[in-house]
Amino acid sequence: MLKMRTEDQIRAYVDGYNDCFQQFSECLKGRKSVMDAVRKMMVFREAVNNVVKDNRDGGDSKDENQFK
Protein backbone atom coordinates (compact mmCIF):
# COMPACT_ATOMS: atom_id res chain seq x y z
CA MET A 1 0.00 0.00 0.00
CA LEU A 2 1.35 3.39 -0.99
CA LYS A 3 1.48 5.85 1.86
CA MET A 4 1.62 9.57 1.23
CA ARG A 5 4.42 11.33 3.10
CA THR A 6 4.41 14.82 4.50
CA GLU A 7 6.88 17.39 3.21
CA ASP A 8 8.88 17.04 6.46
CA GLN A 9 8.98 13.23 6.14
CA ILE A 10 10.18 13.47 2.54
CA ARG A 11 12.84 16.00 3.50
CA ALA A 12 14.00 13.82 6.42
CA TYR A 13 14.24 10.79 4.12
CA VAL A 14 16.28 12.70 1.54
CA ASP A 15 18.54 14.14 4.24
CA GLY A 16 19.11 10.67 5.69
CA TYR A 17 19.84 9.18 2.27
CA ASN A 18 22.34 11.94 1.49
CA ASP A 19 23.99 11.54 4.89
CA CYS A 20 24.29 7.80 4.29
CA PHE A 21 25.93 8.39 0.91
CA GLN A 22 28.36 10.85 2.48
CA GLN A 23 29.21 8.37 5.26
CA PHE A 24 29.81 5.59 2.74
CA SER A 25 32.05 7.89 0.71
CA GLU A 26 34.06 8.56 3.87
CA CYS A 27 34.26 4.82 4.54
CA LEU A 28 35.74 4.28 1.07
CA LYS A 29 38.62 6.65 1.76
CA GLY A 30 41.72 4.82 2.89
CA ARG A 31 40.13 1.36 2.73
CA LYS A 32 41.81 -1.65 1.15
CA SER A 33 38.69 -2.72 -0.69
CA VAL A 34 35.05 -1.91 -1.25
CA MET A 35 34.11 -4.86 0.96
CA ASP A 36 36.16 -3.33 3.78
CA ALA A 37 34.10 -0.15 3.42
CA VAL A 38 30.86 -2.17 3.30
CA ARG A 39 31.79 -3.92 6.56
CA LYS A 40 32.42 -0.52 8.18
CA MET A 41 29.01 0.71 6.95
CA MET A 42 27.41 -2.42 8.41
CA VAL A 43 28.77 -1.37 11.83
CA PHE A 44 27.20 2.07 11.40
CA ARG A 45 23.91 0.53 10.22
CA GLU A 46 23.79 -1.74 13.26
CA ALA A 47 24.43 1.21 15.58
CA VAL A 48 21.62 3.25 13.98
CA ASN A 49 19.21 0.30 14.08
CA ASN A 50 20.04 -0.30 17.75
CA VAL A 51 19.17 3.31 18.58
CA VAL A 52 15.79 2.91 16.88
CA LYS A 53 15.23 -0.46 18.58
CA ASP A 54 16.16 0.97 21.99
CA ASN A 55 13.77 3.87 21.51
CA ARG A 56 10.93 1.54 20.51
CA ASP A 57 11.61 -0.74 23.46
CA GLY A 58 11.70 2.21 25.86
CA GLY A 59 15.37 1.61 26.60
CA ASP A 60 17.99 4.25 27.23
CA SER A 61 19.78 4.93 23.95
CA LYS A 62 22.30 7.15 25.76
CA ASP A 63 24.46 4.21 26.85
CA GLU A 64 27.96 5.60 26.53
CA ASN A 65 29.38 2.17 25.58
CA GLN A 66 26.93 1.68 22.74
CA PHE A 67 29.13 3.18 20.03
CA LYS A 68 32.58 2.13 21.23
PDB file of N, CA and C in Angstrom:
ATOM      1  N   MET A   1       0.834  -1.166   0.000  1.00  0.00           N
ATOM      2  CA  MET A   1       0.000   0.000   0.000  1.00  0.00           C
ATOM      3  C   MET A   1       0.889   1.244   0.000  1.00  0.00           C
ATOM      4  N   LEU A   2       0.598   2.152  -0.888  1.00  0.00           N
ATOM      5  CA  LEU A   2       1.354   3.393  -0.994  1.00  0.00           C
ATOM      6  C   LEU A   2       0.878   4.381   0.059  1.00  0.00           C
ATOM      7  N   LYS A   3       1.817   4.904   0.811  1.00  0.00           N
ATOM      8  CA  LYS A   3       1.478   5.851   1.864  1.00  0.00           C
ATOM      9  C   LYS A   3       2.026   7.224   1.486  1.00  0.00           C
ATOM     10  N   MET A   4       1.184   8.210   1.527  1.00  0.00           N
ATOM     11  CA  MET A   4       1.622   9.574   1.234  1.00  0.00           C
ATOM     12  C   MET A   4       2.469  10.076   2.403  1.00  0.00           C
ATOM     13  N   ARG A   5       3.518  10.780   2.089  1.00  0.00           N
ATOM     14  CA  ARG A   5       4.416  11.329   3.099  1.00  0.00           C
ATOM     15  C   ARG A   5       4.245  12.839   3.167  1.00  0.00           C
ATOM     16  N   THR A   6       4.452  13.373   4.351  1.00  0.00           N
ATOM     17  CA  THR A   6       4.411  14.822   4.497  1.00  0.00           C
ATOM     18  C   THR A   6       5.699  15.412   3.925  1.00  0.00           C
ATOM     19  N   GLU A   7       5.686  16.695   3.707  1.00  0.00           N
ATOM     20  CA  GLU A   7       6.879  17.385   3.210  1.00  0.00           C
ATOM     21  C   GLU A   7       8.059  17.177   4.169  1.00  0.00           C
ATOM     22  N   ASP A   8       7.812  17.258   5.471  1.00  0.00           N
ATOM     23  CA  ASP A   8       8.880  17.041   6.456  1.00  0.00           C
ATOM     24  C   ASP A   8       9.416  15.614   6.405  1.00  0.00           C
ATOM     25  N   GLN A   9       8.541  14.629   6.224  1.00  0.00           N
ATOM     26  CA  GLN A   9       8.980  13.232   6.136  1.00  0.00           C
ATOM     27  C   GLN A   9       9.827  13.013   4.884  1.00  0.00           C
ATOM     28  N   ILE A  10       9.411  13.595   3.787  1.00  0.00           N
ATOM     29  CA  ILE A  10      10.176  13.475   2.543  1.00  0.00           C
ATOM     30  C   ILE A  10      11.545  14.117   2.709  1.00  0.00           C
ATOM     31  N   ARG A  11      11.577  15.292   3.285  1.00  0.00           N
ATOM     32  CA  ARG A  11      12.842  16.003   3.501  1.00  0.00           C
ATOM     33  C   ARG A  11      13.756  15.192   4.423  1.00  0.00           C
ATOM     34  N   ALA A  12      13.205  14.623   5.487  1.00  0.00           N
ATOM     35  CA  ALA A  12      14.002  13.818   6.422  1.00  0.00           C
ATOM     36  C   ALA A  12      14.568  12.583   5.717  1.00  0.00           C
ATOM     37  N   TYR A  13      13.773  11.957   4.861  1.00  0.00           N
ATOM     38  CA  TYR A  13      14.244  10.786   4.116  1.00  0.00           C
ATOM     39  C   TYR A  13      15.401  11.163   3.194  1.00  0.00           C
ATOM     40  N   VAL A  14      15.236  12.249   2.457  1.00  0.00           N
ATOM     41  CA  VAL A  14      16.279  12.699   1.540  1.00  0.00           C
ATOM     42  C   VAL A  14      17.539  13.073   2.312  1.00  0.00           C
ATOM     43  N   ASP A  15      17.385  13.778   3.415  1.00  0.00           N
ATOM     44  CA  ASP A  15      18.541  14.141   4.235  1.00  0.00           C
ATOM     45  C   ASP A  15      19.267  12.891   4.740  1.00  0.00           C
ATOM     46  N   GLY A  16      18.511  11.909   5.208  1.00  0.00           N
ATOM     47  CA  GLY A  16      19.114  10.667   5.690  1.00  0.00           C
ATOM     48  C   GLY A  16      19.831   9.911   4.588  1.00  0.00           C
ATOM     49  N   TYR A  17      19.226   9.866   3.423  1.00  0.00           N
ATOM     50  CA  TYR A  17      19.836   9.183   2.273  1.00  0.00           C
ATOM     51  C   TYR A  17      21.143   9.869   1.890  1.00  0.00           C
ATOM     52  N   ASN A  18      21.123  11.194   1.835  1.00  0.00           N
ATOM     53  CA  ASN A  18      22.335  11.942   1.486  1.00  0.00           C
ATOM     54  C   ASN A  18      23.407  11.778   2.554  1.00  0.00           C
ATOM     55  N   ASP A  19      23.029  11.771   3.814  1.00  0.00           N
ATOM     56  CA  ASP A  19      23.990  11.541   4.892  1.00  0.00           C
ATOM     57  C   ASP A  19      24.614  10.156   4.787  1.00  0.00           C
ATOM     58  N   CYS A  20      23.796   9.171   4.449  1.00  0.00           N
ATOM     59  CA  CYS A  20      24.293   7.805   4.293  1.00  0.00           C
ATOM     60  C   CYS A  20      25.314   7.728   3.154  1.00  0.00           C
ATOM     61  N   PHE A  21      24.994   8.374   2.044  1.00  0.00           N
ATOM     62  CA  PHE A  21      25.930   8.389   0.914  1.00  0.00           C
ATOM     63  C   PHE A  21      27.243   9.042   1.319  1.00  0.00           C
ATOM     64  N   GLN A  22      27.160  10.151   2.027  1.00  0.00           N
ATOM     65  CA  GLN A  22      28.363  10.850   2.481  1.00  0.00           C
ATOM     66  C   GLN A  22      29.183   9.949   3.417  1.00  0.00           C
ATOM     67  N   GLN A  23      28.503   9.258   4.341  1.00  0.00           N
ATOM     68  CA  GLN A  23      29.205   8.366   5.263  1.00  0.00           C
ATOM     69  C   GLN A  23      29.885   7.226   4.515  1.00  0.00           C
ATOM     70  N   PHE A  24      29.209   6.668   3.524  1.00  0.00           N
ATOM     71  CA  PHE A  24      29.806   5.588   2.737  1.00  0.00           C
ATOM     72  C   PHE A  24      31.017   6.101   1.965  1.00  0.00           C
ATOM     73  N   SER A  25      30.911   7.306   1.412  1.00  0.00           N
ATOM     74  CA  SER A  25      32.051   7.894   0.708  1.00  0.00           C
ATOM     75  C   SER A  25      33.248   8.035   1.638  1.00  0.00           C
ATOM     76  N   GLU A  26      32.981   8.450   2.883  1.00  0.00           N
ATOM     77  CA  GLU A  26      34.057   8.558   3.869  1.00  0.00           C
ATOM     78  C   GLU A  26      34.642   7.187   4.197  1.00  0.00           C
ATOM     79  N   CYS A  27      33.784   6.176   4.246  1.00  0.00           N
ATOM     80  CA  CYS A  27      34.262   4.817   4.537  1.00  0.00           C
ATOM     81  C   CYS A  27      35.160   4.291   3.423  1.00  0.00           C
ATOM     82  N   LEU A  28      34.928   4.733   2.190  1.00  0.00           N
ATOM     83  CA  LEU A  28      35.743   4.277   1.066  1.00  0.00           C
ATOM     84  C   LEU A  28      37.157   4.854   1.108  1.00  0.00           C
ATOM     85  N   LYS A  29      37.297   6.026   1.704  1.00  0.00           N
ATOM     86  CA  LYS A  29      38.616   6.654   1.761  1.00  0.00           C
ATOM     87  C   LYS A  29      39.548   5.839   2.647  1.00  0.00           C
ATOM     88  N   GLY A  30      40.694   5.502   2.116  1.00  0.00           N
ATOM     89  CA  GLY A  30      41.718   4.824   2.889  1.00  0.00           C
ATOM     90  C   GLY A  30      41.452   3.346   3.146  1.00  0.00           C
ATOM     91  N   ARG A  31      40.438   2.774   2.531  1.00  0.00           N
ATOM     92  CA  ARG A  31      40.131   1.355   2.732  1.00  0.00           C
ATOM     93  C   ARG A  31      40.864   0.518   1.697  1.00  0.00           C
ATOM     94  N   LYS A  32      41.124  -0.725   2.045  1.00  0.00           N
ATOM     95  CA  LYS A  32      41.814  -1.648   1.147  1.00  0.00           C
ATOM     96  C   LYS A  32      40.911  -2.130   0.022  1.00  0.00           C
ATOM     97  N   SER A  33      39.616  -2.207   0.316  1.00  0.00           N
ATOM     98  CA  SER A  33      38.686  -2.721  -0.685  1.00  0.00           C
ATOM     99  C   SER A  33      37.293  -2.153  -0.431  1.00  0.00           C
ATOM    100  N   VAL A  34      36.439  -2.325  -1.410  1.00  0.00           N
ATOM    101  CA  VAL A  34      35.049  -1.910  -1.254  1.00  0.00           C
ATOM    102  C   VAL A  34      34.396  -2.731  -0.150  1.00  0.00           C
ATOM    103  N   MET A  35      34.714  -4.006  -0.076  1.00  0.00           N
ATOM    104  CA  MET A  35      34.111  -4.859   0.960  1.00  0.00           C
ATOM    105  C   MET A  35      34.526  -4.400   2.355  1.00  0.00           C
ATOM    106  N   ASP A  36      35.722  -3.885   2.497  1.00  0.00           N
ATOM    107  CA  ASP A  36      36.157  -3.334   3.780  1.00  0.00           C
ATOM    108  C   ASP A  36      35.279  -2.144   4.156  1.00  0.00           C
ATOM    109  N   ALA A  37      34.977  -1.294   3.182  1.00  0.00           N
ATOM    110  CA  ALA A  37      34.098  -0.146   3.419  1.00  0.00           C
ATOM    111  C   ALA A  37      32.678  -0.608   3.732  1.00  0.00           C
ATOM    112  N   VAL A  38      32.214  -1.640   3.051  1.00  0.00           N
ATOM    113  CA  VAL A  38      30.864  -2.174   3.300  1.00  0.00           C
ATOM    114  C   VAL A  38      30.779  -2.704   4.725  1.00  0.00           C
ATOM    115  N   ARG A  39      31.794  -3.410   5.183  1.00  0.00           N
ATOM    116  CA  ARG A  39      31.791  -3.922   6.561  1.00  0.00           C
ATOM    117  C   ARG A  39      31.729  -2.774   7.564  1.00  0.00           C
ATOM    118  N   LYS A  40      32.446  -1.686   7.284  1.00  0.00           N
ATOM    119  CA  LYS A  40      32.416  -0.524   8.176  1.00  0.00           C
ATOM    120  C   LYS A  40      31.014   0.088   8.184  1.00  0.00           C
ATOM    121  N   MET A  41      30.368   0.177   7.030  1.00  0.00           N
ATOM    122  CA  MET A  41      29.008   0.711   6.954  1.00  0.00           C
ATOM    123  C   MET A  41      28.033  -0.196   7.692  1.00  0.00           C
ATOM    124  N   MET A  42      28.271  -1.497   7.689  1.00  0.00           N
ATOM    125  CA  MET A  42      27.408  -2.424   8.413  1.00  0.00           C
ATOM    126  C   MET A  42      27.470  -2.140   9.915  1.00  0.00           C
ATOM    127  N   VAL A  43      28.633  -1.745  10.413  1.00  0.00           N
ATOM    128  CA  VAL A  43      28.767  -1.371  11.829  1.00  0.00           C
ATOM    129  C   VAL A  43      27.919  -0.136  12.111  1.00  0.00           C
ATOM    130  N   PHE A  44      28.001   0.861  11.224  1.00  0.00           N
ATOM    131  CA  PHE A  44      27.197   2.072  11.395  1.00  0.00           C
ATOM    132  C   PHE A  44      25.711   1.748  11.325  1.00  0.00           C
ATOM    133  N   ARG A  45      25.321   0.900  10.372  1.00  0.00           N
ATOM    134  CA  ARG A  45      23.915   0.529  10.221  1.00  0.00           C
ATOM    135  C   ARG A  45      23.400  -0.158  11.480  1.00  0.00           C
ATOM    136  N   GLU A  46      24.193  -1.056  12.036  1.00  0.00           N
ATOM    137  CA  GLU A  46      23.786  -1.744  13.261  1.00  0.00           C
ATOM    138  C   GLU A  46      23.614  -0.761  14.417  1.00  0.00           C
ATOM    139  N   ALA A  47      24.525   0.206  14.513  1.00  0.00           N
ATOM    140  CA  ALA A  47      24.431   1.206  15.580  1.00  0.00           C
ATOM    141  C   ALA A  47      23.148   2.027  15.439  1.00  0.00           C
ATOM    142  N   VAL A  48      22.836   2.457  14.215  1.00  0.00           N
ATOM    143  CA  VAL A  48      21.620   3.246  13.983  1.00  0.00           C
ATOM    144  C   VAL A  48      20.384   2.406  14.285  1.00  0.00           C
ATOM    145  N   ASN A  49      20.361   1.171  13.817  1.00  0.00           N
ATOM    146  CA  ASN A  49      19.213   0.304  14.076  1.00  0.00           C
ATOM    147  C   ASN A  49      19.036   0.034  15.562  1.00  0.00           C
ATOM    148  N   ASN A  50      20.134  -0.080  16.302  1.00  0.00           N
ATOM    149  CA  ASN A  50      20.043  -0.296  17.746  1.00  0.00           C
ATOM    150  C   ASN A  50      19.442   0.908  18.454  1.00  0.00           C
ATOM    151  N   VAL A  51      19.758   2.115  17.988  1.00  0.00           N
ATOM    152  CA  VAL A  51      19.166   3.314  18.578  1.00  0.00           C
ATOM    153  C   VAL A  51      17.656   3.289  18.374  1.00  0.00           C
ATOM    154  N   VAL A  52      17.223   2.974  17.167  1.00  0.00           N
ATOM    155  CA  VAL A  52      15.787   2.909  16.876  1.00  0.00           C
ATOM    156  C   VAL A  52      15.137   1.815  17.710  1.00  0.00           C
ATOM    157  N   LYS A  53      15.772   0.651  17.796  1.00  0.00           N
ATOM    158  CA  LYS A  53      15.232  -0.459  18.575  1.00  0.00           C
ATOM    159  C   LYS A  53      15.123  -0.083  20.049  1.00  0.00           C
ATOM    160  N   ASP A  54      16.184   0.543  20.586  1.00  0.00           N
ATOM    161  CA  ASP A  54      16.161   0.967  21.986  1.00  0.00           C
ATOM    162  C   ASP A  54      15.032   1.951  22.247  1.00  0.00           C
ATOM    163  N   ASN A  55      14.839   2.885  21.339  1.00  0.00           N
ATOM    164  CA  ASN A  55      13.771   3.873  21.515  1.00  0.00           C
ATOM    165  C   ASN A  55      12.394   3.218  21.456  1.00  0.00           C
ATOM    166  N   ARG A  56      12.210   2.243  20.598  1.00  0.00           N
ATOM    167  CA  ARG A  56      10.927   1.536  20.505  1.00  0.00           C
ATOM    168  C   ARG A  56      10.660   0.700  21.743  1.00  0.00           C
ATOM    169  N   ASP A  57      11.739   0.121  22.289  1.00  0.00           N
ATOM    170  CA  ASP A  57      11.609  -0.737  23.465  1.00  0.00           C
ATOM    171  C   ASP A  57      11.564   0.063  24.768  1.00  0.00           C
ATOM    172  N   GLY A  58      11.707   1.371  24.669  1.00  0.00           N
ATOM    173  CA  GLY A  58      11.697   2.206  25.861  1.00  0.00           C
ATOM    174  C   GLY A  58      13.009   2.199  26.605  1.00  0.00           C
ATOM    175  N   GLY A  59      14.068   1.660  25.960  1.00  0.00           N
ATOM    176  CA  GLY A  59      15.372   1.606  26.598  1.00  0.00           C
ATOM    177  C   GLY A  59      16.072   2.938  26.533  1.00  0.00           C
ATOM    178  N   ASP A  60      17.202   3.027  27.220  1.00  0.00           N
ATOM    179  CA  ASP A  60      17.991   4.249  27.235  1.00  0.00           C
ATOM    180  C   ASP A  60      19.026   4.174  26.130  1.00  0.00           C
ATOM    181  N   SER A  61      18.847   4.954  25.067  1.00  0.00           N
ATOM    182  CA  SER A  61      19.776   4.929  23.948  1.00  0.00           C
ATOM    183  C   SER A  61      21.008   5.782  24.207  1.00  0.00           C
ATOM    184  N   LYS A  62      21.164   6.298  25.427  1.00  0.00           N
ATOM    185  CA  LYS A  62      22.305   7.154  25.758  1.00  0.00           C
ATOM    186  C   LYS A  62      23.427   6.359  26.414  1.00  0.00           C
ATOM    187  N   ASP A  63      23.406   5.041  26.283  1.00  0.00           N
ATOM    188  CA  ASP A  63      24.455   4.209  26.850  1.00  0.00           C
ATOM    189  C   ASP A  63      25.786   4.604  26.236  1.00  0.00           C
ATOM    190  N   GLU A  64      26.718   5.086  27.053  1.00  0.00           N
ATOM    191  CA  GLU A  64      27.961   5.604  26.533  1.00  0.00           C
ATOM    192  C   GLU A  64      28.839   4.524  25.896  1.00  0.00           C
ATOM    193  N   ASN A  65      28.593   3.263  26.188  1.00  0.00           N
ATOM    194  CA  ASN A  65      29.376   2.173  25.583  1.00  0.00           C
ATOM    195  C   ASN A  65      28.782   1.686  24.281  1.00  0.00           C
ATOM    196  N   GLN A  66      27.647   2.181  23.900  1.00  0.00           N
ATOM    197  CA  GLN A  66      26.927   1.676  22.735  1.00  0.00           C
ATOM    198  C   GLN A  66      27.721   1.836  21.440  1.00  0.00           C
ATOM    199  N   PHE A  67      28.474   2.922  21.286  1.00  0.00           N
ATOM    200  CA  PHE A  67      29.133   3.184  20.026  1.00  0.00           C
ATOM    201  C   PHE A  67      30.640   3.006  20.084  1.00  0.00           C
ATOM    202  N   LYS A  68      31.139   2.342  21.108  1.00  0.00           N
ATOM    203  CA  LYS A  68      32.583   2.129  21.228  1.00  0.00           C
ATOM    204  C   LYS A  68      32.991   0.885  20.507  1.00  0.00           C
TER     205      LYS A  68
END
